[in-house]
């Protein structure tokens, strides 16, 4: 199920951002803390390059209003995984935008790309746009403390979006 949103990619940063390096991939996994630009970047990829935009937040709305419910979170992630596999198997391209703080949280998307033989790229979003879901500061800090760096196998082709530009991550700087 694709995420539908009334929010538009209105920021000049996103309108002028060159997304062509990501358009070469079939599956784009976006990770970052709330407010880092994941959803807006996913919306831009969907609008400009035809990606299906999936994220757990899209399954946590009730009557069009976002309501975080930990009891529904596992189901929301399962629906994203199912949507990812279905879209990739059908030949579509997918952008999955979730926090993915710990590496195991990325496993389903990484596995879906591997299962379907599609090209995967990870983008770490580090912008500071303010989180639209009012995640408390203490929760954000706990997420920062639990953050796990990408392993070299994923970092080799990863990108970073700092809120202004998209840049390839170089895991082995000179």
C-alpha atoms as a PDB file:
ATOM      1  CA  UNK A   1       0.000   0.000   0.000  1.00  0.00           C
ATOM      2  CA  UNK A   2       1.486   3.312  -1.012  1.00  0.00           C
ATOM      3  CA  UNK A   3       1.545   6.155   1.435  1.00  0.00           C
ATOM      4  CA  UNK A   4      -0.726   8.974   0.465  1.00  0.00           C
ATOM      5  CA  UNK A   5      -0.095  12.360   1.917  1.00  0.00           C
ATOM      6  CA  UNK A   6      -1.457  15.817   1.494  1.00  0.00           C
ATOM      7  CA  UNK A   7       1.993  17.250   2.244  1.00  0.00           C
ATOM      8  CA  UNK A   8       3.761  18.514  -0.832  1.00  0.00           C
ATOM      9  CA  UNK A   9       7.447  18.707  -1.557  1.00  0.00           C
ATOM     10  CA  UNK A  10       7.513  22.497  -1.209  1.00  0.00           C
ATOM     11  CA  UNK A  11      10.928  23.164   0.303  1.00  0.00           C
ATOM     12  CA  UNK A  12      13.417  24.696  -2.139  1.00  0.00           C
ATOM     13  CA  UNK A  13      15.945  22.159  -0.834  1.00  0.00           C
ATOM     14  CA  UNK A  14      13.818  19.250  -2.037  1.00  0.00           C
ATOM     15  CA  UNK A  15      12.745  20.916  -5.266  1.00  0.00           C
ATOM     16  CA  UNK A  16      16.343  21.561  -6.332  1.00  0.00           C
ATOM     17  CA  UNK A  17      17.795  18.310  -4.967  1.00  0.00           C
ATOM     18  CA  UNK A  18      19.322  16.055  -7.636  1.00  0.00           C
ATOM     19  CA  UNK A  19      17.817  12.613  -7.028  1.00  0.00           C
ATOM     20  CA  UNK A  20      19.164  10.934 -10.171  1.00  0.00           C
ATOM     21  CA  UNK A  21      21.813   8.946  -8.257  1.00  0.00           C
ATOM     22  CA  UNK A  22      18.992   7.235  -6.329  1.00  0.00           C
ATOM     23  CA  UNK A  23      16.865   6.709  -9.435  1.00  0.00           C
ATOM     24  CA  UNK A  24      19.394   4.078 -10.566  1.00  0.00           C
ATOM     25  CA  UNK A  25      18.207   1.742  -7.795  1.00  0.00           C
ATOM     26  CA  UNK A  26      15.073  -0.380  -7.461  1.00  0.00           C
ATOM     27  CA  UNK A  27      14.772  -0.213  -3.680  1.00  0.00           C
ATOM     28  CA  UNK A  28      15.745   2.848  -1.654  1.00  0.00           C
ATOM     29  CA  UNK A  29      15.803   2.402   2.116  1.00  0.00           C
ATOM     30  CA  UNK A  30      15.693   5.708   4.004  1.00  0.00           C
ATOM     31  CA  UNK A  31      16.757   5.765   7.641  1.00  0.00           C
ATOM     32  CA  UNK A  32      17.007   8.554  10.177  1.00  0.00           C
ATOM     33  CA  UNK A  33      15.512  10.056  13.271  1.00  0.00           C
ATOM     34  CA  UNK A  34      12.074  11.676  13.186  1.00  0.00           C
ATOM     35  CA  UNK A  35      12.318  15.034  11.436  1.00  0.00           C
ATOM     36  CA  UNK A  36      15.412  14.142   9.406  1.00  0.00           C
ATOM     37  CA  UNK A  37      13.658  14.438   6.025  1.00  0.00           C
ATOM     38  CA  UNK A  38      12.846  10.777   5.271  1.00  0.00           C
ATOM     39  CA  UNK A  39       9.200  11.171   4.345  1.00  0.00           C
ATOM     40  CA  UNK A  40       9.711  14.312   2.291  1.00  0.00           C
ATOM     41  CA  UNK A  41      12.651  12.740   0.446  1.00  0.00           C
ATOM     42  CA  UNK A  42      10.502   9.650  -0.202  1.00  0.00           C
ATOM     43  CA  UNK A  43       7.694  11.847  -1.538  1.00  0.00           C
ATOM     44  CA  UNK A  44      10.149  13.576  -3.869  1.00  0.00           C
ATOM     45  CA  UNK A  45      11.420  10.215  -5.196  1.00  0.00           C
ATOM     46  CA  UNK A  46       7.862   9.018  -5.731  1.00  0.00           C
ATOM     47  CA  UNK A  47       6.813  12.210  -7.517  1.00  0.00           C
ATOM     48  CA  UNK A  48       9.880  12.588  -9.724  1.00  0.00           C
ATOM     49  CA  UNK A  49      10.965   9.021 -10.415  1.00  0.00           C
ATOM     50  CA  UNK A  50       7.863   6.863  -9.947  1.00  0.00           C
ATOM     51  CA  UNK A  51       8.877   5.034  -6.766  1.00  0.00           C
ATOM     52  CA  UNK A  52       6.178   3.492  -4.580  1.00  0.00           C
ATOM     53  CA  UNK A  53       6.499   5.238  -1.206  1.00  0.00           C
ATOM     54  CA  UNK A  54       5.999   2.957   1.797  1.00  0.00           C
ATOM     55  CA  UNK A  55       6.425   3.604   5.500  1.00  0.00           C
ATOM     56  CA  UNK A  56       4.978   2.305   8.746  1.00  0.00           C
ATOM     57  CA  UNK A  57       3.592   5.751   9.631  1.00  0.00           C
ATOM     58  CA  UNK A  58       1.208   5.425   6.704  1.00  0.00           C
ATOM     59  CA  UNK A  59      -0.502   2.555   8.511  1.00  0.00           C
ATOM     60  CA  UNK A  60      -0.825   4.343  11.851  1.00  0.00           C
ATOM     61  CA  UNK A  61      -3.454   6.860  10.844  1.00  0.00           C
ATOM     62  CA  UNK A  62      -7.011   6.693  12.085  1.00  0.00           C
ATOM     63  CA  UNK A  63      -9.566   8.674  10.059  1.00  0.00           C
ATOM     64  CA  UNK A  64      -6.700  10.499   8.387  1.00  0.00           C
ATOM     65  CA  UNK A  65      -5.008  11.512  11.654  1.00  0.00           C
ATOM     66  CA  UNK A  66      -1.636  10.014  12.687  1.00  0.00           C
ATOM     67  CA  UNK A  67      -1.879   8.184  16.004  1.00  0.00           C
ATOM     68  CA  UNK A  68       1.173   6.296  17.184  1.00  0.00           C
ATOM     69  CA  UNK A  69       0.072   3.016  18.704  1.00  0.00           C
ATOM     70  CA  UNK A  70       2.829   0.603  19.777  1.00  0.00           C
ATOM     71  CA  UNK A  71       0.318  -2.256  19.640  1.00  0.00           C
ATOM     72  CA  UNK A  72      -0.123  -1.666  15.875  1.00  0.00           C
ATOM     73  CA  UNK A  73       3.535  -1.029  15.035  1.00  0.00           C
ATOM     74  CA  UNK A  74       4.524  -4.633  14.206  1.00  0.00           C
ATOM     75  CA  UNK A  75       1.521  -4.937  11.879  1.00  0.00           C
ATOM     76  CA  UNK A  76       2.406  -1.637  10.204  1.00  0.00           C
ATOM     77  CA  UNK A  77       5.940  -2.850   9.522  1.00  0.00           C
ATOM     78  CA  UNK A  78       4.616  -6.184   8.219  1.00  0.00           C
ATOM     79  CA  UNK A  79       2.368  -4.337   5.774  1.00  0.00           C
ATOM     80  CA  UNK A  80       5.349  -2.296   4.558  1.00  0.00           C
ATOM     81  CA  UNK A  81       7.370  -5.470   4.044  1.00  0.00           C
ATOM     82  CA  UNK A  82       4.534  -7.123   2.140  1.00  0.00           C
ATOM     83  CA  UNK A  83       4.090  -4.020  -0.017  1.00  0.00           C
ATOM     84  CA  UNK A  84       7.823  -3.879  -0.685  1.00  0.00           C
ATOM     85  CA  UNK A  85       8.011  -7.502  -1.827  1.00  0.00           C
ATOM     86  CA  UNK A  86       4.861  -7.208  -3.946  1.00  0.00           C
ATOM     87  CA  UNK A  87       6.022  -4.022  -5.683  1.00  0.00           C
ATOM     88  CA  UNK A  88       9.522  -5.355  -6.351  1.00  0.00           C
ATOM     89  CA  UNK A  89       8.189  -8.686  -7.646  1.00  0.00           C
ATOM     90  CA  UNK A  90       5.878  -6.779 -10.000  1.00  0.00           C
ATOM     91  CA  UNK A  91       8.852  -4.875 -11.416  1.00  0.00           C
ATOM     92  CA  UNK A  92       8.163  -1.643  -9.543  1.00  0.00           C
ATOM     93  CA  UNK A  93      10.580   0.481  -7.592  1.00  0.00           C
ATOM     94  CA  UNK A  94      10.135   1.205  -3.902  1.00  0.00           C
ATOM     95  CA  UNK A  95      11.301   3.787  -1.389  1.00  0.00           C
ATOM     96  CA  UNK A  96      10.882   2.662   2.241  1.00  0.00           C
ATOM     97  CA  UNK A  97      11.076   5.460   4.812  1.00  0.00           C
ATOM     98  CA  UNK A  98      11.284   4.331   8.436  1.00  0.00           C
ATOM     99  CA  UNK A  99      13.630   5.217  11.287  1.00  0.00           C
ATOM    100  CA  UNK A 100      15.630   1.947  10.989  1.00  0.00           C
ATOM    101  CA  UNK A 101      17.664   2.905  14.055  1.00  0.00           C
ATOM    102  CA  UNK A 102      19.017  -0.595  14.602  1.00  0.00           C
ATOM    103  CA  UNK A 103      20.330  -2.756  11.795  1.00  0.00           C
ATOM    104  CA  UNK A 104      17.838  -5.576  12.392  1.00  0.00           C
ATOM    105  CA  UNK A 105      15.043  -3.089  11.639  1.00  0.00           C
ATOM    106  CA  UNK A 106      16.314  -2.872   8.048  1.00  0.00           C
ATOM    107  CA  UNK A 107      16.455  -6.651   7.583  1.00  0.00           C
ATOM    108  CA  UNK A 108      13.021  -7.045   5.991  1.00  0.00           C
ATOM    109  CA  UNK A 109      13.664  -4.403   3.313  1.00  0.00           C
ATOM    110  CA  UNK A 110      17.208  -5.625   2.651  1.00  0.00           C
ATOM    111  CA  UNK A 111      15.844  -9.160   2.420  1.00  0.00           C
ATOM    112  CA  UNK A 112      13.023  -8.138   0.067  1.00  0.00           C
ATOM    113  CA  UNK A 113      15.534  -6.590  -2.329  1.00  0.00           C
ATOM    114  CA  UNK A 114      17.760  -9.674  -2.149  1.00  0.00           C
ATOM    115  CA  UNK A 115      14.816 -12.071  -2.555  1.00  0.00           C
ATOM    116  CA  UNK A 116      13.639 -10.292  -5.685  1.00  0.00           C
ATOM    117  CA  UNK A 117      17.145  -9.719  -7.100  1.00  0.00           C
ATOM    118  CA  UNK A 118      16.661  -5.933  -7.138  1.00  0.00           C
ATOM    119  CA  UNK A 119      19.263  -3.236  -6.483  1.00  0.00           C
ATOM    120  CA  UNK A 120      19.172  -1.710  -2.990  1.00  0.00           C
ATOM    121  CA  UNK A 121      20.653   1.532  -1.693  1.00  0.00           C
ATOM    122  CA  UNK A 122      20.532   2.964   1.819  1.00  0.00           C
ATOM    123  CA  UNK A 123      20.222   6.686   2.475  1.00  0.00           C
ATOM    124  CA  UNK A 124      20.915   8.020   5.947  1.00  0.00           C
ATOM    125  CA  UNK A 125      18.893  11.180   6.552  1.00  0.00           C
ATOM    126  CA  UNK A 126      20.436  13.559   9.054  1.00  0.00           C
ATOM    127  CA  UNK A 127      18.536  16.779   8.377  1.00  0.00           C
ATOM    128  CA  UNK A 128      16.787  18.782  11.076  1.00  0.00           C
ATOM    129  CA  UNK A 129      13.332  19.673   9.777  1.00  0.00           C
ATOM    130  CA  UNK A 130      11.418  19.169  13.023  1.00  0.00           C
ATOM    131  CA  UNK A 131       9.366  16.035  13.523  1.00  0.00           C
ATOM    132  CA  UNK A 132       5.717  16.246  12.552  1.00  0.00           C
ATOM    133  CA  UNK A 133       4.636  13.557  15.028  1.00  0.00           C
ATOM    134  CA  UNK A 134       5.757  15.424  18.175  1.00  0.00           C
ATOM    135  CA  UNK A 135       8.144  12.679  19.261  1.00  0.00           C
ATOM    136  CA  UNK A 136       9.369  13.683  22.746  1.00  0.00           C
ATOM    137  CA  UNK A 137      12.977  14.838  23.157  1.00  0.00           C
ATOM    138  CA  UNK A 138      13.723  11.966  25.551  1.00  0.00           C
ATOM    139  CA  UNK A 139      12.550   9.438  22.954  1.00  0.00           C
ATOM    140  CA  UNK A 140      14.699  11.087  20.266  1.00  0.00           C
ATOM    141  CA  UNK A 141      17.706  10.903  22.581  1.00  0.00           C
ATOM    142  CA  UNK A 142      17.139   7.190  23.245  1.00  0.00           C
ATOM    143  CA  UNK A 143      16.935   6.617  19.496  1.00  0.00           C
ATOM    144  CA  UNK A 144      20.242   8.499  19.015  1.00  0.00           C
ATOM    145  CA  UNK A 145      21.867   6.334  21.686  1.00  0.00           C
ATOM    146  CA  UNK A 146      20.676   3.108  20.002  1.00  0.00           C
ATOM    147  CA  UNK A 147      21.714   4.199  16.472  1.00  0.00           C
ATOM    148  CA  UNK A 148      23.830   1.570  14.696  1.00  0.00           C
ATOM    149  CA  UNK A 149      26.220   2.433  11.889  1.00  0.00           C
ATOM    150  CA  UNK A 150      25.872   0.676   8.550  1.00  0.00           C
ATOM    151  CA  UNK A 151      28.067  -2.365   7.995  1.00  0.00           C
ATOM    152  CA  UNK A 152      30.674  -1.978   5.216  1.00  0.00           C
ATOM    153  CA  UNK A 153      28.624  -4.104   2.798  1.00  0.00           C
ATOM    154  CA  UNK A 154      25.764  -1.574   2.886  1.00  0.00           C
ATOM    155  CA  UNK A 155      27.889   1.533   3.428  1.00  0.00           C
ATOM    156  CA  UNK A 156      29.820   0.875   0.211  1.00  0.00           C
ATOM    157  CA  UNK A 157      26.902   2.129  -1.896  1.00  0.00           C
ATOM    158  CA  UNK A 158      25.110   4.307   0.662  1.00  0.00           C
ATOM    159  CA  UNK A 159      24.227   7.993   0.506  1.00  0.00           C
ATOM    160  CA  UNK A 160      23.715  10.620   3.181  1.00  0.00           C
ATOM    161  CA  UNK A 161      21.139  13.389   3.036  1.00  0.00           C
ATOM    162  CA  UNK A 162      22.069  16.151   5.489  1.00  0.00           C
ATOM    163  CA  UNK A 163      19.052  18.296   4.800  1.00  0.00           C
ATOM    164  CA  UNK A 164      20.773  20.276   2.049  1.00  0.00           C
ATOM    165  CA  UNK A 165      22.440  17.819  -0.278  1.00  0.00           C
ATOM    166  CA  UNK A 166      22.636  14.156  -1.142  1.00  0.00           C
ATOM    167  CA  UNK A 167      26.188  12.760  -1.034  1.00  0.00           C
ATOM    168  CA  UNK A 168      27.710   9.305  -1.448  1.00  0.00           C
ATOM    169  CA  UNK A 169      29.074   7.849   1.778  1.00  0.00           C
ATOM    170  CA  UNK A 170      32.705   6.885   1.549  1.00  0.00           C
ATOM    171  CA  UNK A 171      33.263   4.147   4.141  1.00  0.00           C
ATOM    172  CA  UNK A 172      37.043   4.200   3.557  1.00  0.00           C
ATOM    173  CA  UNK A 173      38.159   7.831   3.352  1.00  0.00           C
ATOM    174  CA  UNK A 174      41.734   8.398   2.162  1.00  0.00           C
END
